[in-house]
Amino acid sequence: MTLTARTAGLAAFCLTLFSGVATATDLSYSSPFPSNHTTVAKGIEPLAKGLEEASGGDLKLTVYSGGVMAKGPATLSTIQRGIVDSGLVVPAWVTSQIPATDTIASLMLAVSDARVAAAAANEYYLLKCPECMQEHLKHNARPLAFYGSAPYHFECRQELDSLDDLAGKRVRATSTPLVNWVEQFGATIVAVPTEDIYQALQRGQADCNVGPLAYMHTLNLKEVVKWVSDMPFGSYYGASVLEVNDKTWKKLSDEERALVSSQLAKLVRDVTEGYEDDSAKARADGEASGVIFAEPSAAERKKLADHVDAEFKRVLALAKERGVGGDDPEVFLQGFLDTLNKWEKRVADMDGDFDAYQQALQDEIFSKL
């Protein structure tokens, strides 16, 4: 049976289960990102539509994007208190609340493939890291699925001769691993929310942005960016694209939880595939608009490789400082890197087949929850 046939059959089964439900369940979802962000437009919105269709309208997910319900750092506490039922949680914004999750995410420069990052994150966080799960549950929040962003690039409002020209420039970057990498070039970090990147570049408040290439399309940065370093680095995989209030989750019926769970592999696939599509669109539109995609020099590639090699020691020291990873933080971190290596091989064998990718996510991760 094909993946499409299986999905259709499951949807029909869930619709049968929901036919006897008297009242509809309407869950709320909060995202700090704008409605055209890949995680919203390509992930959560299709999920909401799929849940409503599969349940015959008995299970709905109302999406509030752009931080209208809660700004990014407040999302976890907003879910915890039941102000919203679910949302997107970024550990880099709440490091003290979920330190183990953030510490694993601090190895982000070790991977630059969203498919590999998303699969490894879901397997490790959901199946192999009880410490990670428990620290979320401590805040009455249950992560159901994580995503991996497209790799990051330097995206600048003016043409540079090389990355050495970043010295003294104001660069928007988030999370410690990215900030540390940017600072290797003598740049000054500026804090700018995702929804304000366009204006910051347009007005000169920031000279460059560090973000996925997809932002050139989804945030329309192609209008204000003139130069992009074509050397990708890192995929952020620590964010849970779907995290629910645990009490709310437990109040759902068995049928409702089964329906949501049946959609998780597709959600991860949709966000990952969406990032690849948006990145391709961004490159095509950027080139058509005259954006320069600059090939990195050998020296720049070596600088990145050397920096990535040094990251493990930094993150190991961070784990020890935070007291995460149990008796052996090195084994804790290496466990994730081993999971990355597993998925690098698995994804390579799939040769770009997203149906195979979704099926692997279902069989090897989500079916085991």
Protein backbone atom coordinates (compact mmCIF):
# COMPACT_ATOMS: atom_id res chain seq x y z
CA MET A 1 0.00 0.00 0.00
CA THR A 2 1.36 3.45 -0.89
CA LEU A 3 1.86 6.23 1.64
CA THR A 4 -0.97 8.21 0.03
CA ALA A 5 -3.33 5.25 0.31
CA ARG A 6 -2.37 4.69 3.93
CA THR A 7 -2.97 8.35 4.77
CA ALA A 8 -6.34 8.35 3.03
CA GLY A 9 -7.36 5.16 4.80
CA LEU A 10 -6.37 6.54 8.17
CA ALA A 11 -8.30 9.74 7.53
CA ALA A 12 -11.40 7.73 6.64
CA PHE A 13 -10.97 5.65 9.80
CA CYS A 14 -10.64 8.78 11.95
CA LEU A 15 -13.69 10.33 10.31
CA THR A 16 -15.67 7.22 11.27
CA LEU A 17 -14.46 7.53 14.85
CA PHE A 18 -15.49 11.18 15.02
CA SER A 19 -18.95 10.66 13.55
CA GLY A 20 -20.38 10.07 17.01
CA VAL A 21 -18.83 13.10 18.71
CA ALA A 22 -21.52 15.54 19.79
CA THR A 23 -19.51 18.75 20.18
CA ALA A 24 -16.49 20.09 18.33
CA THR A 25 -13.13 20.59 20.00
CA ASP A 26 -11.46 23.86 19.03
CA LEU A 27 -7.79 24.14 19.99
CA SER A 28 -5.78 27.34 19.73
CA TYR A 29 -2.22 27.61 18.39
CA SER A 30 0.23 30.48 18.84
CA SER A 31 3.22 31.15 16.59
CA PRO A 32 5.67 34.02 17.05
CA PHE A 33 6.29 33.94 13.31
CA PRO A 34 4.24 35.72 10.62
CA SER A 35 1.58 33.86 8.65
CA ASN A 36 3.84 33.46 5.59
CA HIS A 37 6.65 31.86 7.62
CA THR A 38 7.33 28.34 6.38
CA THR A 39 6.37 26.69 9.67
CA VAL A 40 2.97 28.37 9.56
CA ALA A 41 2.07 28.46 5.87
CA LYS A 42 3.53 25.07 4.93
CA GLY A 43 3.19 23.26 8.26
CA ILE A 44 0.61 24.32 10.82
CA GLU A 45 -2.06 25.69 8.47
CA PRO A 46 -2.16 22.44 6.42
CA LEU A 47 -2.21 20.51 9.72
CA ALA A 48 -5.23 22.52 10.90
CA LYS A 49 -7.02 21.89 7.61
CA GLY A 50 -6.19 18.19 7.73
CA LEU A 51 -7.46 17.77 11.29
CA GLU A 52 -10.73 19.51 10.53
CA GLU A 53 -11.32 17.50 7.34
CA ALA A 54 -10.37 14.14 8.87
CA SER A 55 -12.64 14.73 11.88
CA GLY A 56 -15.57 15.99 9.85
CA GLY A 57 -15.24 19.37 11.58
CA ASP A 58 -15.18 17.92 15.10
CA LEU A 59 -11.54 18.83 15.79
CA LYS A 60 -10.31 22.27 14.84
CA LEU A 61 -7.03 24.10 15.32
CA THR A 62 -7.26 27.90 15.20
CA VAL A 63 -3.91 29.45 14.30
CA TYR A 64 -2.76 32.81 15.68
CA SER A 65 0.46 33.88 13.98
CA GLY A 66 2.72 36.90 14.22
CA GLY A 67 2.95 36.77 18.01
CA VAL A 68 -0.57 38.18 18.50
CA MET A 69 -1.22 35.76 21.38
CA ALA A 70 2.32 35.68 22.76
CA LYS A 71 5.71 36.95 21.70
CA GLY A 72 8.30 34.25 21.14
CA PRO A 73 9.86 34.04 24.63
CA ALA A 74 6.42 33.99 26.26
CA THR A 75 4.99 31.11 24.22
CA LEU A 76 6.03 28.36 26.62
CA SER A 77 4.52 30.09 29.66
CA THR A 78 1.40 30.94 27.66
CA ILE A 79 0.93 27.25 26.86
CA GLN A 80 1.76 26.32 30.45
CA ARG A 81 -0.98 28.57 31.83
CA GLY A 82 -3.53 27.44 29.27
CA ILE A 83 -3.90 30.85 27.64
CA VAL A 84 -3.37 28.97 24.39
CA ASP A 85 -3.63 25.23 23.87
CA SER A 86 -0.54 24.85 21.73
CA GLY A 87 2.22 26.68 19.93
CA LEU A 88 5.76 26.82 18.61
CA VAL A 89 8.43 26.85 21.33
CA VAL A 90 12.03 27.93 20.70
CA PRO A 91 14.38 26.75 23.49
CA ALA A 92 16.97 29.44 22.72
CA TRP A 93 14.44 31.96 24.03
CA VAL A 94 13.76 30.08 27.28
CA THR A 95 17.07 28.44 28.10
CA SER A 96 16.55 28.44 31.87
CA GLN A 97 13.22 26.59 31.59
CA ILE A 98 14.32 23.84 29.18
CA PRO A 99 18.14 23.76 29.46
CA ALA A 100 18.68 20.17 28.30
CA THR A 101 16.65 20.78 25.15
CA ASP A 102 18.57 23.97 24.44
CA THR A 103 21.93 22.33 25.09
CA ILE A 104 21.28 19.64 22.48
CA ALA A 105 20.09 22.37 20.08
CA SER A 106 23.39 24.18 20.66
CA LEU A 107 25.07 21.58 18.44
CA MET A 108 23.16 23.03 15.48
CA LEU A 109 26.26 23.85 13.44
CA ALA A 110 26.96 20.11 13.16
CA VAL A 111 24.23 19.74 10.52
CA SER A 112 23.17 21.79 7.51
CA ASP A 113 20.45 19.54 6.09
CA ALA A 114 16.91 20.20 7.31
CA ARG A 115 15.76 16.64 6.62
CA VAL A 116 18.54 15.14 8.70
CA ALA A 117 18.15 17.74 11.45
CA ALA A 118 14.38 17.30 11.78
CA ALA A 119 14.50 13.51 11.84
CA ALA A 120 17.36 13.35 14.34
CA ALA A 121 15.72 15.95 16.59
CA ASN A 122 12.42 14.11 16.71
CA GLU A 123 14.03 10.75 17.39
CA TYR A 124 16.37 12.06 20.07
CA TYR A 125 14.06 14.45 21.89
CA LEU A 126 10.96 12.26 21.77
CA LEU A 127 12.48 8.78 22.19
CA LYS A 128 15.99 9.04 23.59
CA CYS A 129 16.07 12.03 25.92
CA PRO A 130 13.71 11.59 28.87
CA GLU A 131 15.43 14.53 30.57
CA CYS A 132 14.36 16.73 27.66
CA MET A 133 10.77 15.52 27.75
CA GLN A 134 10.48 15.87 31.53
CA GLU A 135 11.65 19.48 31.56
CA HIS A 136 8.88 20.38 29.10
CA LEU A 137 6.29 18.44 31.11
CA LYS A 138 7.45 20.28 34.23
CA HIS A 139 5.95 23.35 32.57
CA ASN A 140 2.71 21.54 31.67
CA ALA A 141 3.79 21.47 28.03
CA ARG A 142 4.16 18.39 25.83
CA PRO A 143 6.22 18.60 22.62
CA LEU A 144 4.69 16.48 19.86
CA ALA A 145 6.94 17.34 16.91
CA PHE A 146 10.15 19.24 16.19
CA TYR A 147 11.31 20.74 12.91
CA GLY A 148 14.64 21.55 11.30
CA SER A 149 15.12 24.89 9.63
CA ALA A 150 16.76 25.32 6.27
CA PRO A 151 20.48 26.12 6.73
CA TYR A 152 21.56 29.66 7.52
CA HIS A 153 23.31 32.21 5.32
CA PHE A 154 24.68 35.71 5.66
CA GLU A 155 22.18 37.96 3.82
CA CYS A 156 23.43 41.54 3.46
CA ARG A 157 21.99 44.83 2.24
CA GLN A 158 25.24 45.79 0.51
CA GLU A 159 27.72 43.80 -1.56
CA LEU A 160 30.74 42.43 0.31
CA ASP A 161 34.07 41.39 -1.17
CA SER A 162 34.35 38.58 1.38
CA LEU A 163 33.13 37.62 4.83
CA ASP A 164 36.06 39.57 6.28
CA ASP A 165 34.06 42.68 5.37
CA LEU A 166 31.64 41.78 8.16
CA ALA A 167 34.05 43.38 10.62
CA GLY A 168 32.25 46.28 12.26
CA LYS A 169 28.97 45.48 10.52
CA ARG A 170 25.69 45.15 12.43
CA VAL A 171 24.42 41.61 11.97
CA ARG A 172 21.08 40.26 13.14
CA ALA A 173 21.52 36.78 14.61
CA THR A 174 19.73 34.66 17.20
CA SER A 175 20.91 31.80 19.45
CA THR A 176 24.38 31.46 20.91
CA PRO A 177 25.85 29.15 18.22
CA LEU A 178 25.00 31.62 15.46
CA VAL A 179 26.12 34.62 17.51
CA ASN A 180 29.46 32.95 18.26
CA TRP A 181 30.00 32.23 14.56
CA VAL A 182 29.14 35.79 13.52
CA GLU A 183 31.50 37.22 16.12
CA GLN A 184 34.40 35.33 14.53
CA PHE A 185 34.33 38.06 11.88
CA GLY A 186 34.30 41.01 14.26
CA ALA A 187 30.66 41.90 13.59
CA THR A 188 28.31 43.52 16.11
CA ILE A 189 25.17 41.56 16.99
CA VAL A 190 21.81 43.32 16.84
CA ALA A 191 18.57 41.85 18.17
CA VAL A 192 15.69 42.07 15.71
CA PRO A 193 12.45 40.03 15.81
CA THR A 194 11.78 37.92 12.73
CA GLU A 195 8.84 40.08 11.68
CA ASP A 196 11.05 43.21 11.72
CA ILE A 197 14.04 41.94 9.71
CA TYR A 198 12.85 43.54 6.47
CA GLN A 199 12.51 47.00 8.03
CA ALA A 200 15.81 46.68 9.90
CA LEU A 201 17.68 45.95 6.68
CA GLN A 202 15.75 48.55 4.71
CA ARG A 203 16.46 51.31 7.26
CA GLY A 204 20.06 50.32 7.91
CA GLN A 205 19.48 49.25 11.50
CA ALA A 206 21.10 45.98 10.45
CA ASP A 207 23.65 45.49 7.67
CA CYS A 208 23.12 41.74 7.41
CA ASN A 209 20.76 39.05 8.56
CA VAL A 210 21.68 35.50 9.50
CA GLY A 211 18.74 33.36 8.46
CA PRO A 212 17.47 30.62 6.17
CA LEU A 213 17.56 31.38 2.48
CA ALA A 214 13.78 30.91 2.54
CA TYR A 215 13.47 34.30 4.25
CA MET A 216 14.40 35.90 0.94
CA HIS A 217 11.04 34.61 -0.29
CA THR A 218 8.74 34.33 2.72
CA LEU A 219 9.82 37.65 4.27
CA ASN A 220 10.48 39.24 0.87
CA LEU A 221 14.07 40.06 1.81
CA LYS A 222 15.05 39.87 -1.85
CA GLU A 223 13.87 43.48 -2.06
CA VAL A 224 16.43 44.71 0.48
CA VAL A 225 19.24 42.13 0.27
CA LYS A 226 21.94 42.61 -2.37
CA TRP A 227 24.50 39.98 -1.38
CA VAL A 228 24.33 36.44 0.06
CA SER A 229 27.20 34.24 1.11
CA ASP A 230 26.52 30.90 -0.58
CA MET A 231 28.03 28.94 2.31
CA PRO A 232 25.23 27.38 4.37
CA PHE A 233 25.83 26.73 8.05
CA GLY A 234 23.69 25.01 10.65
CA SER A 235 20.06 23.95 10.88
CA TYR A 236 18.10 24.93 13.97
CA TYR A 237 16.24 21.84 15.13
CA GLY A 238 15.50 22.61 18.78
CA ALA A 239 12.12 24.24 18.27
CA SER A 240 8.97 22.21 18.74
CA VAL A 241 6.66 23.10 15.87
CA LEU A 242 3.76 21.62 17.84
CA GLU A 243 3.78 21.77 21.63
CA VAL A 244 0.53 21.35 23.55
CA ASN A 245 -0.69 22.10 27.04
CA ASP A 246 -0.33 18.71 28.73
CA LYS A 247 -3.61 18.95 30.65
CA THR A 248 -5.40 19.83 27.43
CA TRP A 249 -3.75 16.89 25.67
CA LYS A 250 -4.91 14.49 28.37
CA LYS A 251 -8.46 15.84 28.20
CA LEU A 252 -8.73 15.01 24.51
CA SER A 253 -10.44 11.76 23.68
CA ASP A 254 -8.43 8.75 22.58
CA GLU A 255 -9.74 9.31 19.06
CA GLU A 256 -8.67 12.98 19.04
CA ARG A 257 -5.16 12.18 20.29
CA ALA A 258 -4.90 9.39 17.71
CA LEU A 259 -5.89 11.76 14.92
CA VAL A 260 -3.34 14.41 15.93
CA SER A 261 -0.64 11.76 16.32
CA SER A 262 -1.41 10.37 12.87
CA GLN A 263 -0.55 13.74 11.32
CA LEU A 264 2.82 14.36 12.99
CA ALA A 265 5.08 12.69 10.42
CA LYS A 266 3.30 14.62 7.68
CA LEU A 267 3.69 17.87 9.64
CA VAL A 268 7.45 17.40 9.90
CA ARG A 269 7.64 16.41 6.23
CA ASP A 270 5.55 19.42 5.17
CA VAL A 271 7.70 21.93 7.04
CA THR A 272 10.92 20.36 5.76
CA GLU A 273 9.71 20.17 2.18
CA GLY A 274 8.31 23.67 2.51
CA TYR A 275 11.71 25.02 3.52
CA GLU A 276 13.32 23.38 0.50
CA ASP A 277 10.66 24.78 -1.84
CA ASP A 278 10.84 28.26 -0.30
CA SER A 279 14.64 28.21 -0.48
CA ALA A 280 14.56 27.28 -4.16
CA LYS A 281 12.02 30.02 -4.82
CA ALA A 282 14.16 32.50 -2.88
CA ARG A 283 17.23 31.69 -4.93
CA ALA A 284 15.37 31.97 -8.23
CA ASP A 285 13.70 35.24 -7.27
CA GLY A 286 16.92 36.62 -5.82
CA GLU A 287 18.93 35.87 -8.92
CA ALA A 288 16.19 37.44 -11.06
CA SER A 289 16.36 40.54 -8.86
CA GLY A 290 20.12 40.81 -9.17
CA VAL A 291 21.07 39.44 -5.77
CA ILE A 292 24.66 38.18 -5.74
CA PHE A 293 25.15 34.66 -4.37
CA ALA A 294 28.86 34.67 -3.59
CA GLU A 295 30.82 31.42 -3.61
CA PRO A 296 32.86 31.04 -0.40
CA SER A 297 36.62 30.97 -0.56
CA ALA A 298 38.65 27.99 0.57
CA ALA A 299 39.75 30.02 3.60
CA GLU A 300 36.13 30.72 4.54
CA ARG A 301 35.20 27.05 4.26
CA LYS A 302 38.14 26.08 6.46
CA LYS A 303 37.23 28.72 9.02
CA LEU A 304 33.72 27.30 9.26
CA ALA A 305 34.97 23.70 9.49
CA ASP A 306 37.42 24.61 12.25
CA HIS A 307 34.71 26.48 14.15
CA VAL A 308 32.29 23.55 13.90
CA ASP A 309 34.99 21.19 15.20
CA ALA A 310 35.49 23.43 18.25
CA GLU A 311 31.77 23.63 19.03
CA PHE A 312 31.57 20.25 20.76
CA LYS A 313 33.95 21.36 23.51
CA ARG A 314 32.00 24.59 24.01
CA VAL A 315 28.66 22.78 24.23
CA LEU A 316 30.13 20.12 26.54
CA ALA A 317 31.29 22.87 28.90
CA LEU A 318 27.81 24.40 28.67
CA ALA A 319 26.17 21.08 29.56
CA LYS A 320 28.39 20.71 32.63
CA GLU A 321 27.71 24.30 33.68
CA ARG A 322 23.96 23.77 33.40
CA GLY A 323 24.05 20.38 35.06
CA VAL A 324 22.31 18.59 32.20
CA GLY A 325 23.09 15.26 30.62
CA GLY A 326 23.16 13.20 33.80
CA ASP A 327 26.39 11.66 35.04
CA ASP A 328 28.08 11.85 31.65
CA PRO A 329 27.22 14.95 29.58
CA GLU A 330 29.65 13.84 26.87
CA VAL A 331 27.62 10.65 26.28
CA PHE A 332 24.47 12.79 26.33
CA LEU A 333 25.78 14.99 23.51
CA GLN A 334 27.41 12.18 21.56
CA GLY A 335 24.10 10.33 21.59
CA PHE A 336 22.57 13.11 19.56
CA LEU A 337 25.51 13.25 17.14
CA ASP A 338 25.18 9.49 16.64
CA THR A 339 21.49 9.99 15.85
CA LEU A 340 22.48 12.67 13.33
CA ASN A 341 24.92 10.26 11.69
CA LYS A 342 22.19 7.62 11.45
CA TRP A 343 19.82 9.99 9.68
CA GLU A 344 22.51 11.36 7.38
CA LYS A 345 22.83 7.84 5.98
CA ARG A 346 19.07 7.21 5.94
CA VAL A 347 18.31 10.47 4.13
CA ALA A 348 21.10 9.93 1.61
CA ASP A 349 19.64 6.52 0.75
CA MET A 350 16.22 8.11 0.09
CA ASP A 351 17.64 10.18 -2.77
CA GLY A 352 15.21 13.06 -2.28
CA ASP A 353 12.06 10.94 -1.94
CA PHE A 354 9.82 12.81 0.51
CA ASP A 355 7.25 10.01 0.66
CA ALA A 356 10.00 7.67 1.84
CA TYR A 357 11.12 10.32 4.32
CA GLN A 358 7.64 10.69 5.79
CA GLN A 359 7.22 6.94 6.04
CA ALA A 360 10.56 6.62 7.83
CA LEU A 361 9.53 9.31 10.31
CA GLN A 362 6.30 7.45 10.97
CA ASP A 363 7.84 3.99 11.25
CA GLU A 364 10.97 4.86 13.21
CA ILE A 365 9.71 7.67 15.44
CA PHE A 366 6.05 8.60 15.66
CA SER A 367 4.65 5.07 15.67
CA LYS A 368 6.70 4.45 18.83
CA LEU A 369 5.29 7.29 20.91
